[in-house]
Amino acid sequence: GTQAMTALGALAVRDGLYLALVADLAGAMTLQALRGISEAFDERIHALRPHTGQRAAAAHLRRLLAGSRLVTRAGELRVQDAYSLRCMPQVHGAVRDALAHAAGVLTVEANSVTDNPLVFPDGDVLSGGNFHGEPVALVLDYAAAALAELGSIAERRIERLVNPQLSGLPPFLTRNGGLHSGLMLAQYTAAALVSENKGLVFPASVDSIPSSASQEDHVSMGMTGALKLRQVVEHVRYVLAIELLCAAQALEFAGPDGLSPACAAAYRAVRQVVPPLDGDRELAPDIERLAGLIARRALPLDESIPDPVAGAAGGEGGGEAQGGGEG
């Protein structure tokens, strides 16, 4: 029903908004490990394409990179960075905008009446269709697609970290190349999660199947969308954990002393739960600990996290025996 899909959706979108901030942080650490160019985040660039999320992501990246001695200028090492680095404001920002739209719809829904029939103060009892989940179902699919993109671009940054032809760092970020696999399989895991997300984000809302003797002949399938969105959120959390793992290891070679103050604090938070990789070891516990760090919101981020359902007063909706609500 609409209450359940709204509740799950609100929790998932709120987690997604936090993951967008974590993606900025992980991306800023990766950019420094790869000696990336910070000019791509110049405020003047983003003022010329003033999408709200893009400007917010660019501003956040500038704060995260402030004071770094690892960032470079155009022409110093290369003319420009790959898209997964240079276009972080555009991609991360578009994800923020999509999630903000979803949060707005969910806020309206959580403060709406979806009972059927509706009893009005003047005594009228009217049957309608406020129980239909279409407004929620559509934005849940939109949010899932957006978050899948957040994982997709992060996986490409992971690849740049572990690939010596792209990074200039030791293969798979191990000091014992040829004998040890390093973080090779961590990138495999990220790639598998991103690939699985591609199947999960096929829109649930384009499906419908009739029930109740075809009285309920068009339904939103929003609960399916909510469950899929929750899974995408979980996958992206693990992809970002892997990026943090790889970025921190890359910084062992690039030199963590040159990090910006904001990212140095994040590097220390990572190192409190995961030591540097000196030799091959099982990576699953490392990834799990970093995913837990993200889930607990224990990373040093200075941004407040918007709550799309703050102050929302939900009610228990229901329906008539026929045409009453989505199941």
Protein backbone atom coordinates (compact mmCIF):
# COMPACT_ATOMS: atom_id res chain seq x y z
CA GLY A 1 0.00 0.00 0.00
CA THR A 2 0.89 3.67 -0.27
CA GLN A 3 1.89 4.02 3.39
CA ALA A 4 4.42 1.20 3.17
CA MET A 5 5.98 2.32 -0.11
CA THR A 6 6.17 5.91 1.17
CA ALA A 7 7.84 4.86 4.41
CA LEU A 8 10.44 2.67 2.73
CA GLY A 9 10.99 5.26 0.03
CA ALA A 10 11.52 8.09 2.51
CA LEU A 11 14.13 6.10 4.43
CA ALA A 12 15.91 5.09 1.23
CA VAL A 13 15.93 8.61 -0.20
CA ARG A 14 17.23 10.04 3.06
CA ASP A 15 20.06 7.47 2.99
CA GLY A 16 20.65 8.32 -0.66
CA LEU A 17 21.08 12.02 0.13
CA TYR A 18 23.80 11.06 2.59
CA LEU A 19 25.46 8.78 0.03
CA ALA A 20 25.66 11.73 -2.37
CA LEU A 21 27.77 13.55 0.24
CA VAL A 22 29.91 10.46 0.81
CA ALA A 23 30.45 10.22 -2.96
CA ASP A 24 31.81 13.79 -2.94
CA LEU A 25 34.18 12.85 -0.12
CA ALA A 26 35.35 9.59 -1.69
CA GLY A 27 35.73 11.31 -5.05
CA ALA A 28 37.78 14.12 -3.50
CA MET A 29 40.12 11.57 -1.91
CA THR A 30 40.44 9.74 -5.23
CA LEU A 31 41.13 12.98 -7.09
CA GLN A 32 43.98 13.80 -4.73
CA ALA A 33 45.43 10.29 -4.89
CA LEU A 34 45.48 10.61 -8.69
CA ARG A 35 46.88 14.18 -8.61
CA GLY A 36 43.74 15.47 -10.30
CA ILE A 37 42.93 18.97 -11.50
CA SER A 38 40.77 21.02 -9.15
CA GLU A 39 39.96 23.76 -11.69
CA ALA A 40 36.99 21.71 -12.91
CA PHE A 41 35.15 22.71 -9.73
CA ASP A 42 35.67 26.47 -10.15
CA GLU A 43 32.53 28.34 -9.13
CA ARG A 44 32.49 30.28 -12.41
CA ILE A 45 32.04 27.09 -14.41
CA HIS A 46 28.99 26.00 -12.44
CA ALA A 47 27.40 29.44 -12.37
CA LEU A 48 26.98 29.06 -16.13
CA ARG A 49 24.91 25.89 -15.74
CA PRO A 50 23.20 26.64 -12.45
CA HIS A 51 21.45 23.40 -11.60
CA THR A 52 20.98 23.44 -7.85
CA GLY A 53 22.57 20.05 -7.21
CA GLN A 54 25.51 20.71 -9.50
CA ARG A 55 26.37 23.97 -7.77
CA ALA A 56 26.00 22.34 -4.34
CA ALA A 57 28.23 19.40 -5.30
CA ALA A 58 30.88 21.70 -6.79
CA ALA A 59 30.86 23.86 -3.66
CA HIS A 60 31.17 20.78 -1.46
CA LEU A 61 34.10 19.49 -3.53
CA ARG A 62 35.84 22.86 -3.27
CA ARG A 63 35.53 22.72 0.52
CA LEU A 64 36.77 19.14 0.60
CA LEU A 65 39.80 20.00 -1.55
CA ALA A 66 40.70 23.31 0.10
CA GLY A 67 44.32 23.32 1.28
CA SER A 68 45.36 20.21 -0.68
CA ARG A 69 48.96 19.96 -1.86
CA LEU A 70 48.13 16.99 -4.09
CA VAL A 71 45.78 18.64 -6.58
CA THR A 72 47.31 19.95 -9.80
CA ARG A 73 46.59 22.56 -12.44
CA ALA A 74 45.68 22.02 -16.08
CA GLY A 75 48.84 21.29 -18.07
CA GLU A 76 50.93 20.39 -15.04
CA LEU A 77 50.53 16.64 -15.40
CA ARG A 78 47.73 16.44 -17.99
CA VAL A 79 45.45 18.79 -19.85
CA GLN A 80 42.26 17.52 -18.21
CA ASP A 81 40.99 14.65 -16.12
CA ALA A 82 38.69 11.81 -17.18
CA TYR A 83 34.95 12.34 -16.85
CA SER A 84 34.65 10.31 -13.64
CA LEU A 85 36.81 12.95 -11.93
CA ARG A 86 36.12 16.12 -13.87
CA CYS A 87 32.35 15.67 -14.05
CA MET A 88 31.68 14.82 -10.41
CA PRO A 89 29.64 18.01 -9.84
CA GLN A 90 27.50 17.34 -12.89
CA VAL A 91 26.81 13.69 -12.04
CA HIS A 92 26.70 13.89 -8.25
CA GLY A 93 24.67 17.08 -8.58
CA ALA A 94 22.11 15.50 -10.90
CA VAL A 95 21.71 12.70 -8.37
CA ARG A 96 21.09 15.27 -5.62
CA ASP A 97 18.44 16.99 -7.73
CA ALA A 98 16.68 13.71 -8.49
CA LEU A 99 16.66 12.75 -4.82
CA ALA A 100 15.47 16.22 -3.80
CA HIS A 101 12.55 15.87 -6.21
CA ALA A 102 11.74 12.46 -4.80
CA ALA A 103 11.96 13.85 -1.26
CA GLY A 104 9.50 16.59 -2.16
CA VAL A 105 6.97 14.13 -3.55
CA LEU A 106 7.37 11.85 -0.54
CA THR A 107 6.89 14.79 1.84
CA VAL A 108 3.61 15.69 0.15
CA GLU A 109 2.54 12.05 0.25
CA ALA A 110 3.40 11.60 3.91
CA ASN A 111 1.20 14.61 4.73
CA SER A 112 -1.69 13.47 2.54
CA VAL A 113 -4.90 11.55 3.16
CA THR A 114 -5.10 8.31 1.22
CA ASP A 115 -8.11 6.64 2.86
CA ASN A 116 -11.02 5.47 0.78
CA PRO A 117 -13.80 6.42 1.08
CA LEU A 118 -13.16 9.89 2.51
CA VAL A 119 -15.49 11.33 5.15
CA PHE A 120 -15.73 15.13 5.04
CA PRO A 121 -16.82 17.48 7.87
CA ASP A 122 -20.04 18.34 6.05
CA GLY A 123 -21.04 14.68 6.17
CA ASP A 124 -20.26 13.78 2.57
CA VAL A 125 -18.68 10.38 2.04
CA LEU A 126 -16.81 10.23 -1.26
CA SER A 127 -15.02 7.37 -2.97
CA GLY A 128 -11.97 8.29 -4.99
CA GLY A 129 -8.49 7.12 -5.81
CA ASN A 130 -6.08 8.83 -3.41
CA PHE A 131 -4.78 5.41 -2.45
CA HIS A 132 -3.17 4.96 -5.88
CA GLY A 133 0.61 4.89 -5.52
CA GLU A 134 1.59 6.31 -8.92
CA PRO A 135 3.07 9.62 -7.63
CA VAL A 136 5.30 7.69 -5.25
CA ALA A 137 6.10 4.81 -7.59
CA LEU A 138 7.44 7.07 -10.34
CA VAL A 139 9.86 8.96 -8.08
CA LEU A 140 11.08 5.77 -6.41
CA ASP A 141 12.11 4.47 -9.83
CA TYR A 142 13.72 7.85 -10.58
CA ALA A 143 15.64 7.78 -7.29
CA ALA A 144 16.87 4.24 -7.93
CA ALA A 145 18.19 5.18 -11.38
CA ALA A 146 19.91 8.25 -9.94
CA LEU A 147 21.62 6.33 -7.16
CA ALA A 148 22.71 3.63 -9.58
CA GLU A 149 24.54 6.37 -11.49
CA LEU A 150 26.27 7.44 -8.28
CA GLY A 151 27.61 3.90 -7.94
CA SER A 152 28.49 3.70 -11.62
CA ILE A 153 30.74 6.76 -11.64
CA ALA A 154 32.35 5.69 -8.35
CA GLU A 155 33.23 2.31 -9.85
CA ARG A 156 34.98 4.06 -12.74
CA ARG A 157 37.06 6.03 -10.24
CA ILE A 158 37.95 2.76 -8.50
CA GLU A 159 39.15 1.38 -11.82
CA ARG A 160 41.36 4.43 -12.32
CA LEU A 161 42.89 3.86 -8.89
CA VAL A 162 43.79 0.19 -9.40
CA ASN A 163 44.78 0.35 -13.08
CA PRO A 164 48.47 1.33 -13.38
CA GLN A 165 47.98 2.53 -16.95
CA LEU A 166 45.52 5.14 -15.68
CA SER A 167 46.92 5.93 -12.23
CA GLY A 168 50.70 5.86 -12.47
CA LEU A 169 50.54 3.92 -9.20
CA PRO A 170 51.55 0.29 -8.56
CA PRO A 171 49.21 -2.28 -10.14
CA PHE A 172 46.19 -2.94 -7.93
CA LEU A 173 47.79 -0.75 -5.27
CA THR A 174 50.04 -3.47 -3.90
CA ARG A 175 53.75 -3.22 -3.19
CA ASN A 176 54.18 -6.84 -4.23
CA GLY A 177 52.84 -6.84 -7.76
CA GLY A 178 52.92 -10.15 -9.60
CA LEU A 179 52.84 -12.13 -6.37
CA HIS A 180 49.92 -10.36 -4.70
CA SER A 181 46.51 -9.38 -6.07
CA GLY A 182 46.21 -6.24 -3.97
CA LEU A 183 42.84 -4.57 -4.45
CA MET A 184 42.06 -6.19 -7.79
CA LEU A 185 39.11 -8.16 -6.43
CA ALA A 186 37.71 -5.10 -4.68
CA GLN A 187 37.17 -3.56 -8.12
CA TYR A 188 35.56 -6.82 -9.27
CA THR A 189 33.10 -6.54 -6.38
CA ALA A 190 32.26 -2.93 -7.20
CA ALA A 191 31.75 -3.83 -10.86
CA ALA A 192 29.43 -6.70 -9.91
CA LEU A 193 27.32 -4.46 -7.67
CA VAL A 194 27.06 -1.77 -10.33
CA SER A 195 26.08 -4.37 -12.91
CA GLU A 196 23.40 -5.79 -10.63
CA ASN A 197 22.02 -2.28 -10.12
CA LYS A 198 21.44 -2.00 -13.86
CA GLY A 199 18.89 -4.78 -13.62
CA LEU A 200 17.32 -3.43 -10.45
CA VAL A 201 16.61 -0.01 -11.92
CA PHE A 202 14.30 -1.24 -14.65
CA PRO A 203 11.20 0.76 -13.68
CA ALA A 204 8.68 -1.12 -11.58
CA SER A 205 6.11 1.59 -12.31
CA VAL A 206 5.79 0.62 -15.98
CA ASP A 207 4.30 -2.69 -14.90
CA SER A 208 0.74 -3.36 -13.79
CA ILE A 209 -1.35 -6.46 -13.30
CA PRO A 210 -5.11 -6.47 -12.60
CA SER A 211 -6.73 -8.04 -9.55
CA SER A 212 -10.04 -8.04 -7.67
CA ALA A 213 -12.00 -9.20 -10.73
CA SER A 214 -10.35 -6.39 -12.71
CA GLN A 215 -11.76 -3.70 -10.41
CA GLU A 216 -8.18 -2.93 -9.50
CA ASP A 217 -7.12 -2.94 -13.14
CA HIS A 218 -4.16 -0.56 -12.96
CA VAL A 219 -1.70 -0.46 -10.07
CA SER A 220 1.58 1.38 -9.57
CA MET A 221 3.76 -1.50 -8.34
CA GLY A 222 5.33 1.09 -6.05
CA MET A 223 6.13 -1.37 -3.28
CA THR A 224 8.28 -3.32 -5.73
CA GLY A 225 9.99 -0.05 -6.61
CA ALA A 226 10.58 0.73 -2.94
CA LEU A 227 12.14 -2.67 -2.27
CA LYS A 228 14.40 -2.33 -5.33
CA LEU A 229 15.43 1.19 -4.31
CA ARG A 230 16.40 -0.08 -0.88
CA GLN A 231 18.63 -2.71 -2.52
CA VAL A 232 20.25 -0.13 -4.81
CA VAL A 233 21.02 2.05 -1.78
CA GLU A 234 22.74 -0.92 -0.12
CA HIS A 235 24.79 -1.68 -3.22
CA VAL A 236 25.91 1.93 -3.63
CA ARG A 237 26.93 2.06 0.03
CA TYR A 238 29.27 -0.86 -0.59
CA VAL A 239 30.64 0.62 -3.83
CA LEU A 240 31.50 3.84 -2.00
CA ALA A 241 33.08 1.81 0.80
CA ILE A 242 35.30 0.17 -1.83
CA GLU A 243 36.25 3.56 -3.25
CA LEU A 244 37.23 4.75 0.22
CA LEU A 245 39.29 1.56 0.66
CA CYS A 246 41.09 2.03 -2.65
CA ALA A 247 41.57 5.78 -2.30
CA ALA A 248 43.10 5.40 1.15
CA GLN A 249 45.47 2.72 -0.16
CA ALA A 250 46.42 4.87 -3.16
CA LEU A 251 47.24 7.70 -0.78
CA GLU A 252 49.82 5.46 0.90
CA PHE A 253 51.75 5.89 -2.36
CA ALA A 254 50.73 9.45 -3.26
CA GLY A 255 51.42 10.73 0.25
CA PRO A 256 48.59 11.35 2.74
CA ASP A 257 50.52 14.28 4.24
CA GLY A 258 49.51 16.35 1.22
CA LEU A 259 45.78 15.82 1.72
CA SER A 260 43.40 18.68 2.30
CA PRO A 261 42.41 19.03 5.97
CA ALA A 262 38.86 17.80 5.31
CA CYS A 263 40.04 14.68 3.48
CA ALA A 264 42.85 14.09 5.95
CA ALA A 265 40.18 13.74 8.64
CA ALA A 266 38.33 11.23 6.45
CA TYR A 267 41.56 9.34 5.76
CA ARG A 268 42.16 9.03 9.51
CA ALA A 269 38.58 7.79 10.01
CA VAL A 270 39.18 5.11 7.38
CA ARG A 271 42.48 4.10 8.94
CA GLN A 272 40.86 3.75 12.36
CA VAL A 273 38.89 0.77 11.04
CA VAL A 274 41.05 -0.49 8.14
CA PRO A 275 44.87 -0.64 8.20
CA PRO A 276 46.98 -0.14 5.07
CA LEU A 277 47.31 -3.16 2.78
CA ASP A 278 50.86 -4.47 3.29
CA GLY A 279 50.15 -7.89 1.83
CA ASP A 280 47.23 -9.86 0.48
CA ARG A 281 44.39 -10.48 2.93
CA GLU A 282 40.70 -11.17 2.75
CA LEU A 283 39.10 -7.89 1.73
CA ALA A 284 35.50 -8.60 2.75
CA PRO A 285 36.03 -7.56 6.41
CA ASP A 286 37.66 -4.29 5.31
CA ILE A 287 34.78 -3.49 2.97
CA GLU A 288 32.23 -4.45 5.62
CA ARG A 289 33.81 -2.15 8.22
CA LEU A 290 33.85 0.79 5.80
CA ALA A 291 30.26 0.14 4.73
CA GLY A 292 29.37 0.17 8.43
CA LEU A 293 31.19 3.48 8.85
CA ILE A 294 28.98 4.93 6.12
CA ALA A 295 25.81 3.34 7.50
CA ARG A 296 26.51 4.85 10.95
CA ARG A 297 27.21 8.24 9.34
CA ALA A 298 30.53 8.24 11.15
CA LEU A 299 32.56 9.93 8.42
CA PRO A 300 33.64 13.52 9.13
CA LEU A 301 31.19 15.36 6.89
CA ASP A 302 30.25 18.92 7.81
CA GLU A 303 26.95 18.93 5.92
CA SER A 304 23.56 18.59 7.57
CA ILE A 305 21.51 15.79 6.10
CA PRO A 306 18.08 16.85 4.82
CA ASP A 307 15.21 14.79 6.14
CA PRO A 308 12.52 14.50 3.45
CA VAL A 309 9.86 13.51 5.96
CA ALA A 310 10.71 15.87 8.83
CA GLY A 311 7.53 16.80 10.57
CA ALA A 312 5.43 14.60 8.33
CA ALA A 313 2.29 13.22 9.90
CA GLY A 314 1.33 10.00 8.21
CA GLY A 315 -2.00 8.35 8.70
CA GLU A 316 -3.16 4.85 8.19
CA GLY A 317 -4.83 4.59 4.86
CA GLY A 318 -7.00 1.86 3.66
CA GLY A 319 -9.63 1.10 1.16
CA GLU A 320 -12.92 -0.38 0.41
CA ALA A 321 -13.38 -4.05 -0.21
CA GLN A 322 -13.35 -3.26 -3.90
CA GLY A 323 -10.95 -0.68 -5.34
CA GLY A 324 -9.56 -0.01 -1.88
CA GLY A 325 -5.80 0.16 -2.22
CA GLU A 326 -2.69 -1.29 -3.73
CA GLY A 327 -1.27 -4.44 -2.26
